Amino acid sequence: MGAIFYFSAQQSVGPELPSFTRVIAHFSEYAILAALWAWALGPAFGARAIWVAAVICALYAVSDEYHQRFVEGRDSDVVDVITDWAGIAFALWAVSAWSARRAASRRRPPSP
């Protein structure tokens, strides 16, 4: 979250790149953030960690775009928030599916 805040506070994040790279960056950074939150919260919240991580990351995505409104040279875009949420949803779906598969493999009796 600190890295996201740091880059959001910069007037420019680098050379002007095609717009799809922004989409990939937003999707990826929030997917990673959501997966890390789910992993960190898992021991304390169990299966609810997915939902807690989703709320934390979604609220942070909104607050990050709001923060960018006050940075010279940056703007706030609802498409960025939607892209962030898509990354969050994808990562948490993947974490949930991986956890379910892992739990199922633990319940199976060993093959003779």
PDB file of N, CA and C in Angstrom:
ATOM      1  N   MET A   1       0.829  -1.183   0.000  1.00  0.00           N
ATOM      2  CA  MET A   1       0.000   0.000   0.000  1.00  0.00           C
ATOM      3  C   MET A   1       0.874   1.248   0.000  1.00  0.00           C
ATOM      4  N   GLY A   2       2.001   1.144   0.650  1.00  0.00           N
ATOM      5  CA  GLY A   2       2.932   2.265   0.663  1.00  0.00           C
ATOM      6  C   GLY A   2       3.481   2.559  -0.725  1.00  0.00           C
ATOM      7  N   ALA A   3       3.794   1.514  -1.475  1.00  0.00           N
ATOM      8  CA  ALA A   3       4.301   1.702  -2.835  1.00  0.00           C
ATOM      9  C   ALA A   3       3.229   2.325  -3.728  1.00  0.00           C
ATOM     10  N   ILE A   4       1.992   1.867  -3.593  1.00  0.00           N
ATOM     11  CA  ILE A   4       0.894   2.440  -4.381  1.00  0.00           C
ATOM     12  C   ILE A   4       0.734   3.914  -4.046  1.00  0.00           C
ATOM     13  N   PHE A   5       0.769   4.241  -2.756  1.00  0.00           N
ATOM     14  CA  PHE A   5       0.636   5.637  -2.342  1.00  0.00           C
ATOM     15  C   PHE A   5       1.781   6.474  -2.894  1.00  0.00           C
ATOM     16  N   TYR A   6       2.997   5.942  -2.818  1.00  0.00           N
ATOM     17  CA  TYR A   6       4.162   6.679  -3.300  1.00  0.00           C
ATOM     18  C   TYR A   6       4.015   7.006  -4.782  1.00  0.00           C
ATOM     19  N   PHE A   7       3.695   6.004  -5.589  1.00  0.00           N
ATOM     20  CA  PHE A   7       3.574   6.242  -7.030  1.00  0.00           C
ATOM     21  C   PHE A   7       2.383   7.131  -7.361  1.00  0.00           C
ATOM     22  N   SER A   8       1.333   7.051  -6.568  1.00  0.00           N
ATOM     23  CA  SER A   8       0.174   7.920  -6.794  1.00  0.00           C
ATOM     24  C   SER A   8       0.475   9.379  -6.486  1.00  0.00           C
ATOM     25  N   ALA A   9       1.458   9.601  -5.631  1.00  0.00           N
ATOM     26  CA  ALA A   9       1.803  10.969  -5.247  1.00  0.00           C
ATOM     27  C   ALA A   9       2.757  11.631  -6.246  1.00  0.00           C
ATOM     28  N   GLN A  10       3.244  10.874  -7.230  1.00  0.00           N
ATOM     29  CA  GLN A  10       4.161  11.422  -8.228  1.00  0.00           C
ATOM     30  C   GLN A  10       3.382  12.134  -9.325  1.00  0.00           C
ATOM     31  N   GLN A  11       3.927  13.247  -9.801  1.00  0.00           N
ATOM     32  CA  GLN A  11       3.273  13.975 -10.889  1.00  0.00           C
ATOM     33  C   GLN A  11       3.227  13.141 -12.156  1.00  0.00           C
ATOM     34  N   SER A  12       4.265  12.363 -12.380  1.00  0.00           N
ATOM     35  CA  SER A  12       4.331  11.498 -13.550  1.00  0.00           C
ATOM     36  C   SER A  12       4.944  10.175 -13.107  1.00  0.00           C
ATOM     37  N   VAL A  13       4.445   9.087 -13.623  1.00  0.00           N
ATOM     38  CA  VAL A  13       4.937   7.777 -13.207  1.00  0.00           C
ATOM     39  C   VAL A  13       5.932   7.215 -14.214  1.00  0.00           C
ATOM     40  N   GLY A  14       6.326   7.992 -15.155  1.00  0.00           N
ATOM     41  CA  GLY A  14       7.294   7.533 -16.137  1.00  0.00           C
ATOM     42  C   GLY A  14       6.922   8.043 -17.505  1.00  0.00           C
ATOM     43  N   PRO A  15       7.529   7.453 -18.524  1.00  0.00           N
ATOM     44  CA  PRO A  15       7.231   7.903 -19.884  1.00  0.00           C
ATOM     45  C   PRO A  15       5.767   7.629 -20.229  1.00  0.00           C
ATOM     46  N   GLU A  16       5.262   8.409 -21.136  1.00  0.00           N
ATOM     47  CA  GLU A  16       3.880   8.227 -21.579  1.00  0.00           C
ATOM     48  C   GLU A  16       3.779   6.892 -22.302  1.00  0.00           C
ATOM     49  N   LEU A  17       2.963   6.007 -21.775  1.00  0.00           N
ATOM     50  CA  LEU A  17       2.811   4.667 -22.314  1.00  0.00           C
ATOM     51  C   LEU A  17       1.398   4.490 -22.857  1.00  0.00           C
ATOM     52  N   PRO A  18       1.169   3.496 -23.671  1.00  0.00           N
ATOM     53  CA  PRO A  18      -0.192   3.244 -24.160  1.00  0.00           C
ATOM     54  C   PRO A  18      -1.147   2.998 -22.985  1.00  0.00           C
ATOM     55  N   SER A  19      -2.406   3.317 -23.178  1.00  0.00           N
ATOM     56  CA  SER A  19      -3.368   3.242 -22.080  1.00  0.00           C
ATOM     57  C   SER A  19      -3.542   1.827 -21.545  1.00  0.00           C
ATOM     58  N   PHE A  20      -3.357   0.808 -22.382  1.00  0.00           N
ATOM     59  CA  PHE A  20      -3.543  -0.553 -21.879  1.00  0.00           C
ATOM     60  C   PHE A  20      -2.513  -0.912 -20.813  1.00  0.00           C
ATOM     61  N   THR A  21      -1.349  -0.255 -20.821  1.00  0.00           N
ATOM     62  CA  THR A  21      -0.354  -0.535 -19.789  1.00  0.00           C
ATOM     63  C   THR A  21      -0.819  -0.032 -18.431  1.00  0.00           C
ATOM     64  N   ARG A  22      -1.563   1.072 -18.425  1.00  0.00           N
ATOM     65  CA  ARG A  22      -2.150   1.558 -17.165  1.00  0.00           C
ATOM     66  C   ARG A  22      -3.143   0.547 -16.626  1.00  0.00           C
ATOM     67  N   VAL A  23      -3.938  -0.018 -17.526  1.00  0.00           N
ATOM     68  CA  VAL A  23      -4.930  -1.011 -17.118  1.00  0.00           C
ATOM     69  C   VAL A  23      -4.228  -2.228 -16.521  1.00  0.00           C
ATOM     70  N   ILE A  24      -3.194  -2.703 -17.189  1.00  0.00           N
ATOM     71  CA  ILE A  24      -2.444  -3.855 -16.692  1.00  0.00           C
ATOM     72  C   ILE A  24      -1.814  -3.536 -15.332  1.00  0.00           C
ATOM     73  N   ALA A  25      -1.263  -2.339 -15.202  1.00  0.00           N
ATOM     74  CA  ALA A  25      -0.628  -1.952 -13.937  1.00  0.00           C
ATOM     75  C   ALA A  25      -1.646  -1.898 -12.805  1.00  0.00           C
ATOM     76  N   HIS A  26      -2.778  -1.239 -13.039  1.00  0.00           N
ATOM     77  CA  HIS A  26      -3.806  -1.150 -11.993  1.00  0.00           C
ATOM     78  C   HIS A  26      -4.310  -2.535 -11.608  1.00  0.00           C
ATOM     79  N   PHE A  27      -4.651  -3.346 -12.600  1.00  0.00           N
ATOM     80  CA  PHE A  27      -5.162  -4.691 -12.347  1.00  0.00           C
ATOM     81  C   PHE A  27      -4.147  -5.497 -11.537  1.00  0.00           C
ATOM     82  N   SER A  28      -2.900  -5.480 -11.963  1.00  0.00           N
ATOM     83  CA  SER A  28      -1.856  -6.293 -11.332  1.00  0.00           C
ATOM     84  C   SER A  28      -1.540  -5.833  -9.916  1.00  0.00           C
ATOM     85  N   GLU A  29      -1.390  -4.540  -9.728  1.00  0.00           N
ATOM     86  CA  GLU A  29      -0.993  -4.082  -8.393  1.00  0.00           C
ATOM     87  C   GLU A  29      -2.073  -4.370  -7.361  1.00  0.00           C
ATOM     88  N   TYR A  30      -3.338  -4.239  -7.747  1.00  0.00           N
ATOM     89  CA  TYR A  30      -4.408  -4.515  -6.785  1.00  0.00           C
ATOM     90  C   TYR A  30      -4.662  -6.007  -6.637  1.00  0.00           C
ATOM     91  N   ALA A  31      -4.374  -6.797  -7.645  1.00  0.00           N
ATOM     92  CA  ALA A  31      -4.461  -8.252  -7.515  1.00  0.00           C
ATOM     93  C   ALA A  31      -3.418  -8.737  -6.516  1.00  0.00           C
ATOM     94  N   ILE A  32      -2.209  -8.226  -6.644  1.00  0.00           N
ATOM     95  CA  ILE A  32      -1.143  -8.597  -5.705  1.00  0.00           C
ATOM     96  C   ILE A  32      -1.494  -8.147  -4.297  1.00  0.00           C
ATOM     97  N   LEU A  33      -1.984  -6.914  -4.172  1.00  0.00           N
ATOM     98  CA  LEU A  33      -2.353  -6.392  -2.853  1.00  0.00           C
ATOM     99  C   LEU A  33      -3.428  -7.263  -2.211  1.00  0.00           C
ATOM    100  N   ALA A  34      -4.450  -7.632  -2.974  1.00  0.00           N
ATOM    101  CA  ALA A  34      -5.539  -8.451  -2.430  1.00  0.00           C
ATOM    102  C   ALA A  34      -5.045  -9.831  -2.008  1.00  0.00           C
ATOM    103  N   ALA A  35      -4.203 -10.440  -2.824  1.00  0.00           N
ATOM    104  CA  ALA A  35      -3.673 -11.760  -2.479  1.00  0.00           C
ATOM    105  C   ALA A  35      -2.827 -11.691  -1.208  1.00  0.00           C
ATOM    106  N   LEU A  36      -2.035 -10.643  -1.089  1.00  0.00           N
ATOM    107  CA  LEU A  36      -1.209 -10.483   0.120  1.00  0.00           C
ATOM    108  C   LEU A  36      -2.067 -10.273   1.364  1.00  0.00           C
ATOM    109  N   TRP A  37      -3.125  -9.459   1.236  1.00  0.00           N
ATOM    110  CA  TRP A  37      -4.020  -9.254   2.376  1.00  0.00           C
ATOM    111  C   TRP A  37      -4.715 -10.549   2.763  1.00  0.00           C
ATOM    112  N   ALA A  38      -5.195 -11.297   1.784  1.00  0.00           N
ATOM    113  CA  ALA A  38      -5.868 -12.570   2.083  1.00  0.00           C
ATOM    114  C   ALA A  38      -4.909 -13.525   2.787  1.00  0.00           C
ATOM    115  N   TRP A  39      -3.681 -13.587   2.303  1.00  0.00           N
ATOM    116  CA  TRP A  39      -2.675 -14.446   2.918  1.00  0.00           C
ATOM    117  C   TRP A  39      -2.373 -14.001   4.353  1.00  0.00           C
ATOM    118  N   ALA A  40      -2.237 -12.685   4.557  1.00  0.00           N
ATOM    119  CA  ALA A  40      -1.899 -12.160   5.879  1.00  0.00           C
ATOM    120  C   ALA A  40      -3.045 -12.330   6.874  1.00  0.00           C
ATOM    121  N   LEU A  41      -4.266 -12.196   6.397  1.00  0.00           N
ATOM    122  CA  LEU A  41      -5.427 -12.267   7.287  1.00  0.00           C
ATOM    123  C   LEU A  41      -5.942 -13.688   7.495  1.00  0.00           C
ATOM    124  N   GLY A  42      -5.507 -14.624   6.668  1.00  0.00           N
ATOM    125  CA  GLY A  42      -5.987 -15.996   6.748  1.00  0.00           C
ATOM    126  C   GLY A  42      -5.910 -16.623   8.130  1.00  0.00           C
ATOM    127  N   PRO A  43      -4.774 -16.545   8.807  1.00  0.00           N
ATOM    128  CA  PRO A  43      -4.694 -17.178  10.127  1.00  0.00           C
ATOM    129  C   PRO A  43      -5.682 -16.602  11.149  1.00  0.00           C
ATOM    130  N   ALA A  44      -5.970 -15.333  11.062  1.00  0.00           N
ATOM    131  CA  ALA A  44      -6.869 -14.705  12.036  1.00  0.00           C
ATOM    132  C   ALA A  44      -8.339 -14.825  11.657  1.00  0.00           C
ATOM    133  N   PHE A  45      -8.643 -14.791  10.363  1.00  0.00           N
ATOM    134  CA  PHE A  45     -10.034 -14.734   9.929  1.00  0.00           C
ATOM    135  C   PHE A  45     -10.524 -15.994   9.218  1.00  0.00           C
ATOM    136  N   GLY A  46      -9.643 -16.908   8.887  1.00  0.00           N
ATOM    137  CA  GLY A  46     -10.057 -18.120   8.180  1.00  0.00           C
ATOM    138  C   GLY A  46     -10.645 -17.776   6.818  1.00  0.00           C
ATOM    139  N   ALA A  47     -11.776 -18.405   6.501  1.00  0.00           N
ATOM    140  CA  ALA A  47     -12.417 -18.190   5.197  1.00  0.00           C
ATOM    141  C   ALA A  47     -12.904 -16.756   5.021  1.00  0.00           C
ATOM    142  N   ARG A  48     -13.186 -16.076   6.112  1.00  0.00           N
ATOM    143  CA  ARG A  48     -13.634 -14.675   6.015  1.00  0.00           C
ATOM    144  C   ARG A  48     -12.530 -13.733   5.585  1.00  0.00           C
ATOM    145  N   ALA A  49     -11.292 -14.181   5.582  1.00  0.00           N
ATOM    146  CA  ALA A  49     -10.158 -13.337   5.173  1.00  0.00           C
ATOM    147  C   ALA A  49     -10.349 -12.815   3.760  1.00  0.00           C
ATOM    148  N   ILE A  50     -10.978 -13.611   2.895  1.00  0.00           N
ATOM    149  CA  ILE A  50     -11.222 -13.186   1.515  1.00  0.00           C
ATOM    150  C   ILE A  50     -12.076 -11.924   1.506  1.00  0.00           C
ATOM    151  N   TRP A  51     -13.143 -11.937   2.286  1.00  0.00           N
ATOM    152  CA  TRP A  51     -14.057 -10.786   2.314  1.00  0.00           C
ATOM    153  C   TRP A  51     -13.426  -9.575   2.980  1.00  0.00           C
ATOM    154  N   VAL A  52     -12.677  -9.801   4.044  1.00  0.00           N
ATOM    155  CA  VAL A  52     -12.004  -8.689   4.723  1.00  0.00           C
ATOM    156  C   VAL A  52     -10.968  -8.067   3.789  1.00  0.00           C
ATOM    157  N   ALA A  53     -10.220  -8.902   3.101  1.00  0.00           N
ATOM    158  CA  ALA A  53      -9.225  -8.409   2.135  1.00  0.00           C
ATOM    159  C   ALA A  53      -9.912  -7.628   1.022  1.00  0.00           C
ATOM    160  N   ALA A  54     -11.046  -8.123   0.551  1.00  0.00           N
ATOM    161  CA  ALA A  54     -11.781  -7.430  -0.515  1.00  0.00           C
ATOM    162  C   ALA A  54     -12.199  -6.032  -0.076  1.00  0.00           C
ATOM    163  N   VAL A  55     -12.710  -5.913   1.128  1.00  0.00           N
ATOM    164  CA  VAL A  55     -13.160  -4.605   1.631  1.00  0.00           C
ATOM    165  C   VAL A  55     -11.978  -3.658   1.794  1.00  0.00           C
ATOM    166  N   ILE A  56     -10.908  -4.138   2.408  1.00  0.00           N
ATOM    167  CA  ILE A  56      -9.721  -3.296   2.613  1.00  0.00           C
ATOM    168  C   ILE A  56      -9.197  -2.781   1.281  1.00  0.00           C
ATOM    169  N   CYS A  57      -9.040  -3.673   0.314  1.00  0.00           N
ATOM    170  CA  CYS A  57      -8.458  -3.301  -0.977  1.00  0.00           C
ATOM    171  C   CYS A  57      -9.393  -2.397  -1.782  1.00  0.00           C
ATOM    172  N   ALA A  58     -10.693  -2.683  -1.752  1.00  0.00           N
ATOM    173  CA  ALA A  58     -11.649  -1.854  -2.494  1.00  0.00           C
ATOM    174  C   ALA A  58     -11.688  -0.440  -1.933  1.00  0.00           C
ATOM    175  N   LEU A  59     -11.695  -0.319  -0.615  1.00  0.00           N
ATOM    176  CA  LEU A  59     -11.686   1.014  -0.007  1.00  0.00           C
ATOM    177  C   LEU A  59     -10.379   1.741  -0.306  1.00  0.00           C
ATOM    178  N   TYR A  60      -9.276   1.009  -0.304  1.00  0.00           N
ATOM    179  CA  TYR A  60      -7.998   1.639  -0.608  1.00  0.00           C
ATOM    180  C   TYR A  60      -7.954   2.114  -2.057  1.00  0.00           C
ATOM    181  N   ALA A  61      -8.549   1.353  -2.963  1.00  0.00           N
ATOM    182  CA  ALA A  61      -8.586   1.760  -4.375  1.00  0.00           C
ATOM    183  C   ALA A  61      -9.331   3.080  -4.533  1.00  0.00           C
ATOM    184  N   VAL A  62     -10.451   3.210  -3.841  1.00  0.00           N
ATOM    185  CA  VAL A  62     -11.222   4.454  -3.908  1.00  0.00           C
ATOM    186  C   VAL A  62     -10.430   5.599  -3.286  1.00  0.00           C
ATOM    187  N   SER A  63      -9.817   5.336  -2.132  1.00  0.00           N
ATOM    188  CA  SER A  63      -9.071   6.414  -1.465  1.00  0.00           C
ATOM    189  C   SER A  63      -7.848   6.824  -2.287  1.00  0.00           C
ATOM    190  N   ASP A  64      -7.240   5.885  -2.983  1.00  0.00           N
ATOM    191  CA  ASP A  64      -6.081   6.190  -3.833  1.00  0.00           C
ATOM    192  C   ASP A  64      -6.482   7.113  -4.983  1.00  0.00           C
ATOM    193  N   GLU A  65      -7.594   6.818  -5.631  1.00  0.00           N
ATOM    194  CA  GLU A  65      -8.054   7.698  -6.719  1.00  0.00           C
ATOM    195  C   GLU A  65      -8.438   9.068  -6.184  1.00  0.00           C
ATOM    196  N   TYR A  66      -9.031   9.108  -5.012  1.00  0.00           N
ATOM    197  CA  TYR A  66      -9.370  10.398  -4.396  1.00  0.00           C
ATOM    198  C   TYR A  66      -8.087  11.181  -4.110  1.00  0.00           C
ATOM    199  N   HIS A  67      -7.090  10.498  -3.585  1.00  0.00           N
ATOM    200  CA  HIS A  67      -5.796  11.122  -3.294  1.00  0.00           C
ATOM    201  C   HIS A  67      -5.197  11.737  -4.558  1.00  0.00           C
ATOM    202  N   GLN A  68      -5.328  11.043  -5.702  1.00  0.00           N
ATOM    203  CA  GLN A  68      -4.736  11.531  -6.946  1.00  0.00           C
ATOM    204  C   GLN A  68      -5.381  12.828  -7.426  1.00  0.00           C
ATOM    205  N   ARG A  69      -6.590  13.122  -6.975  1.00  0.00           N
ATOM    206  CA  ARG A  69      -7.252  14.378  -7.362  1.00  0.00           C
ATOM    207  C   ARG A  69      -6.439  15.589  -6.903  1.00  0.00           C
ATOM    208  N   PHE A  70      -5.656  15.409  -5.863  1.00  0.00           N
ATOM    209  CA  PHE A  70      -4.920  16.522  -5.271  1.00  0.00           C
ATOM    210  C   PHE A  70      -3.454  16.564  -5.689  1.00  0.00           C
ATOM    211  N   VAL A  71      -3.054  15.673  -6.553  1.00  0.00           N
ATOM    212  CA  VAL A  71      -1.672  15.628  -7.035  1.00  0.00           C
ATOM    213  C   VAL A  71      -1.616  16.333  -8.384  1.00  0.00           C
ATOM    214  N   GLU A  72      -0.766  17.349  -8.452  1.00  0.00           N
ATOM    215  CA  GLU A  72      -0.628  18.105  -9.697  1.00  0.00           C
ATOM    216  C   GLU A  72      -0.176  17.178 -10.824  1.00  0.00           C
ATOM    217  N   GLY A  73      -0.823  17.285 -11.955  1.00  0.00           N
ATOM    218  CA  GLY A  73      -0.477  16.468 -13.103  1.00  0.00           C
ATOM    219  C   GLY A  73      -1.179  15.121 -13.138  1.00  0.00           C
ATOM    220  N   ARG A  74      -1.934  14.785 -12.103  1.00  0.00           N
ATOM    221  CA  ARG A  74      -2.656  13.511 -12.050  1.00  0.00           C
ATOM    222  C   ARG A  74      -4.144  13.798 -12.034  1.00  0.00           C
ATOM    223  N   ASP A  75      -4.913  12.788 -12.357  1.00  0.00           N
ATOM    224  CA  ASP A  75      -6.360  12.941 -12.278  1.00  0.00           C
ATOM    225  C   ASP A  75      -6.956  11.691 -11.652  1.00  0.00           C
ATOM    226  N   SER A  76      -8.210  11.792 -11.299  1.00  0.00           N
ATOM    227  CA  SER A  76      -8.940  10.695 -10.694  1.00  0.00           C
ATOM    228  C   SER A  76      -9.873  10.121 -11.747  1.00  0.00           C
ATOM    229  N   ASP A  77      -9.869   8.804 -11.900  1.00  0.00           N
ATOM    230  CA  ASP A  77     -10.650   8.182 -12.954  1.00  0.00           C
ATOM    231  C   ASP A  77     -11.393   6.970 -12.402  1.00  0.00           C
ATOM    232  N   VAL A  78     -12.709   6.951 -12.592  1.00  0.00           N
ATOM    233  CA  VAL A  78     -13.522   5.838 -12.110  1.00  0.00           C
ATOM    234  C   VAL A  78     -13.159   4.533 -12.831  1.00  0.00           C
ATOM    235  N   VAL A  79     -12.678   4.611 -14.051  1.00  0.00           N
ATOM    236  CA  VAL A  79     -12.249   3.407 -14.780  1.00  0.00           C
ATOM    237  C   VAL A  79     -11.071   2.750 -14.060  1.00  0.00           C
ATOM    238  N   ASP A  80     -10.199   3.553 -13.480  1.00  0.00           N
ATOM    239  CA  ASP A  80      -9.086   2.993 -12.716  1.00  0.00           C
ATOM    240  C   ASP A  80      -9.598   2.206 -11.506  1.00  0.00           C
ATOM    241  N   VAL A  81     -10.598   2.747 -10.827  1.00  0.00           N
ATOM    242  CA  VAL A  81     -11.164   2.058  -9.667  1.00  0.00           C
ATOM    243  C   VAL A  81     -11.810   0.742 -10.099  1.00  0.00           C
ATOM    244  N   ILE A  82     -12.537   0.757 -11.201  1.00  0.00           N
ATOM    245  CA  ILE A  82     -13.167  -0.466 -11.701  1.00  0.00           C
ATOM    246  C   ILE A  82     -12.104  -1.502 -12.069  1.00  0.00           C
ATOM    247  N   THR A  83     -11.026  -1.042 -12.673  1.00  0.00           N
ATOM    248  CA  THR A  83      -9.923  -1.950 -13.015  1.00  0.00           C
ATOM    249  C   THR A  83      -9.284  -2.512 -11.749  1.00  0.00           C
ATOM    250  N   ASP A  84      -9.104  -1.657 -10.740  1.00  0.00           N
ATOM    251  CA  ASP A  84      -8.569  -2.118  -9.455  1.00  0.00           C
ATOM    252  C   ASP A  84      -9.467  -3.195  -8.864  1.00  0.00           C
ATOM    253  N   TRP A  85     -10.766  -2.945  -8.859  1.00  0.00           N
ATOM    254  CA  TRP A  85     -11.726  -3.907  -8.306  1.00  0.00           C
ATOM    255  C   TRP A  85     -11.700  -5.217  -9.077  1.00  0.00           C
ATOM    256  N   ALA A  86     -11.514  -5.149 -10.393  1.00  0.00           N
ATOM    257  CA  ALA A  86     -11.427  -6.371 -11.195  1.00  0.00           C
ATOM    258  C   ALA A  86     -10.191  -7.180 -10.789  1.00  0.00           C
ATOM    259  N   GLY A  87      -9.084  -6.500 -10.575  1.00  0.00           N
ATOM    260  CA  GLY A  87      -7.871  -7.182 -10.113  1.00  0.00           C
ATOM    261  C   GLY A  87      -8.063  -7.810  -8.744  1.00  0.00           C
ATOM    262  N   ILE A  88      -8.735  -7.088  -7.860  1.00  0.00           N
ATOM    263  CA  ILE A  88      -9.030  -7.607  -6.518  1.00  0.00           C
ATOM    264  C   ILE A  88      -9.897  -8.855  -6.625  1.00  0.00           C
ATOM    265  N   ALA A  89     -10.971  -8.772  -7.407  1.00  0.00           N
ATOM    266  CA  ALA A  89     -11.890  -9.903  -7.551  1.00  0.00           C
ATOM    267  C   ALA A  89     -11.179 -11.120  -8.139  1.00  0.00           C
ATOM    268  N   PHE A  90     -10.377 -10.898  -9.167  1.00  0.00           N
ATOM    269  CA  PHE A  90      -9.656 -12.015  -9.793  1.00  0.00           C
ATOM    270  C   PHE A  90      -8.718 -12.676  -8.790  1.00  0.00           C
ATOM    271  N   ALA A  91      -7.935 -11.888  -8.075  1.00  0.00           N
ATOM    272  CA  ALA A  91      -6.968 -12.450  -7.134  1.00  0.00           C
ATOM    273  C   ALA A  91      -7.662 -13.209  -6.019  1.00  0.00           C
ATOM    274  N   LEU A  92      -8.738 -12.655  -5.499  1.00  0.00           N
ATOM    275  CA  LEU A  92      -9.412 -13.323  -4.395  1.00  0.00           C
ATOM    276  C   LEU A  92     -10.157 -14.575  -4.861  1.00  0.00           C
ATOM    277  N   TRP A  93     -10.631 -14.570  -6.102  1.00  0.00           N
ATOM    278  CA  TRP A  93     -11.207 -15.791  -6.672  1.00  0.00           C
ATOM    279  C   TRP A  93     -10.116 -16.852  -6.775  1.00  0.00           C
ATOM    280  N   ALA A  94      -8.954 -16.465  -7.270  1.00  0.00           N
ATOM    281  CA  ALA A  94      -7.845 -17.411  -7.423  1.00  0.00           C
ATOM    282  C   ALA A  94      -7.387 -17.947  -6.074  1.00  0.00           C
ATOM    283  N   VAL A  95      -7.275 -17.080  -5.083  1.00  0.00           N
ATOM    284  CA  VAL A  95      -6.866 -17.510  -3.744  1.00  0.00           C
ATOM    285  C   VAL A  95      -7.903 -18.468  -3.167  1.00  0.00           C
ATOM    286  N   SER A  96      -9.167 -18.145  -3.337  1.00  0.00           N
ATOM    287  CA  SER A  96     -10.241 -18.995  -2.834  1.00  0.00           C
ATOM    288  C   SER A  96     -10.232 -20.361  -3.520  1.00  0.00           C
ATOM    289  N   ALA A  97     -10.083 -20.377  -4.835  1.00  0.00           N
ATOM    290  CA  ALA A  97     -10.041 -21.639  -5.574  1.00  0.00           C
ATOM    291  C   ALA A  97      -8.822 -22.463  -5.165  1.00  0.00           C
ATOM    292  N   TRP A  98      -7.693 -21.831  -5.005  1.00  0.00           N
ATOM    293  CA  TRP A  98      -6.479 -22.529  -4.589  1.00  0.00           C
ATOM    294  C   TRP A  98      -6.652 -23.107  -3.191  1.00  0.00           C
ATOM    295  N   SER A  99      -7.256 -22.322  -2.288  1.00  0.00           N
ATOM    296  CA  SER A  99      -7.475 -22.800  -0.913  1.00  0.00           C
ATOM    297  C   SER A  99      -8.436 -23.981  -0.891  1.00  0.00           C
ATOM    298  N   ALA A 100      -9.504 -23.909  -1.692  1.00  0.00           N
ATOM    299  CA  ALA A 100     -10.473 -25.007  -1.750  1.00  0.00           C
ATOM    300  C   ALA A 100      -9.818 -26.272  -2.299  1.00  0.00           C
ATOM    301  N   ARG A 101      -9.013 -26.125  -3.335  1.00  0.00           N
ATOM    302  CA  ARG A 101      -8.333 -27.297  -3.914  1.00  0.00           C
ATOM    303  C   ARG A 101      -7.367 -27.898  -2.909  1.00  0.00           C
ATOM    304  N   ARG A 102      -6.670 -27.054  -2.210  1.00  0.00           N
ATOM    305  CA  ARG A 102      -5.704 -27.519  -1.212  1.00  0.00           C
ATOM    306  C   ARG A 102      -6.413 -28.257  -0.077  1.00  0.00           C
ATOM    307  N   ALA A 103      -7.539 -27.698   0.383  1.00  0.00           N
ATOM    308  CA  ALA A 103      -8.306 -28.343   1.453  1.00  0.00           C
ATOM    309  C   ALA A 103      -8.867 -29.679   0.996  1.00  0.00           C
ATOM    310  N   ALA A 104      -9.334 -29.755  -0.252  1.00  0.00           N
ATOM    311  CA  ALA A 104      -9.876 -31.009  -0.767  1.00  0.00           C
ATOM    312  C   ALA A 104      -8.801 -32.068  -0.872  1.00  0.00           C
ATOM    313  N   SER A 105      -7.609 -31.684  -1.254  1.00  0.00           N
ATOM    314  CA  SER A 105      -6.530 -32.678  -1.378  1.00  0.00           C
ATOM    315  C   SER A 105      -6.102 -33.186   0.004  1.00  0.00           C
ATOM    316  N   ARG A 106      -6.271 -32.407   1.021  1.00  0.00           N
ATOM    317  CA  ARG A 106      -5.931 -32.842   2.373  1.00  0.00           C
ATOM    318  C   ARG A 106      -6.960 -33.841   2.922  1.00  0.00           C
ATOM    319  N   ARG A 107      -8.224 -33.718   2.460  1.00  0.00           N
ATOM    320  CA  ARG A 107      -9.288 -34.592   2.948  1.00  0.00           C
ATOM    321  C   ARG A 107      -9.276 -35.955   2.260  1.00  0.00           C
ATOM    322  N   ARG A 108      -8.722 -36.040   1.072  1.00  0.00           N
ATOM    323  CA  ARG A 108      -8.693 -37.313   0.317  1.00  0.00           C
ATOM    324  C   ARG A 108      -7.801 -38.328   1.032  1.00  0.00           C
ATOM    325  N   PRO A 109      -8.305 -39.561   1.110  1.00  0.00           N
ATOM    326  CA  PRO A 109      -7.414 -40.592   1.671  1.00  0.00           C
ATOM    327  C   PRO A 109      -6.306 -40.909   0.679  1.00  0.00           C
ATOM    328  N   PRO A 110      -5.174 -41.316   1.163  1.00  0.00           N
ATOM    329  CA  PRO A 110      -4.057 -41.623   0.254  1.00  0.00           C
ATOM    330  C   PRO A 110      -4.422 -42.815  -0.633  1.00  0.00           C
ATOM    331  N   SER A 111      -3.939 -42.805  -1.837  1.00  0.00           N
ATOM    332  CA  SER A 111      -4.176 -43.889  -2.791  1.00  0.00           C
ATOM    333  C   SER A 111      -3.366 -45.115  -2.365  1.00  0.00           C
ATOM    334  N   PRO A 112      -3.959 -46.321  -2.508  1.00  0.00           N
ATOM    335  CA  PRO A 112      -3.200 -47.542  -2.105  1.00  0.00           C
ATOM    336  C   PRO A 112      -2.093 -47.865  -3.058  1.00  0.00           C
TER     337      PRO A 112
END
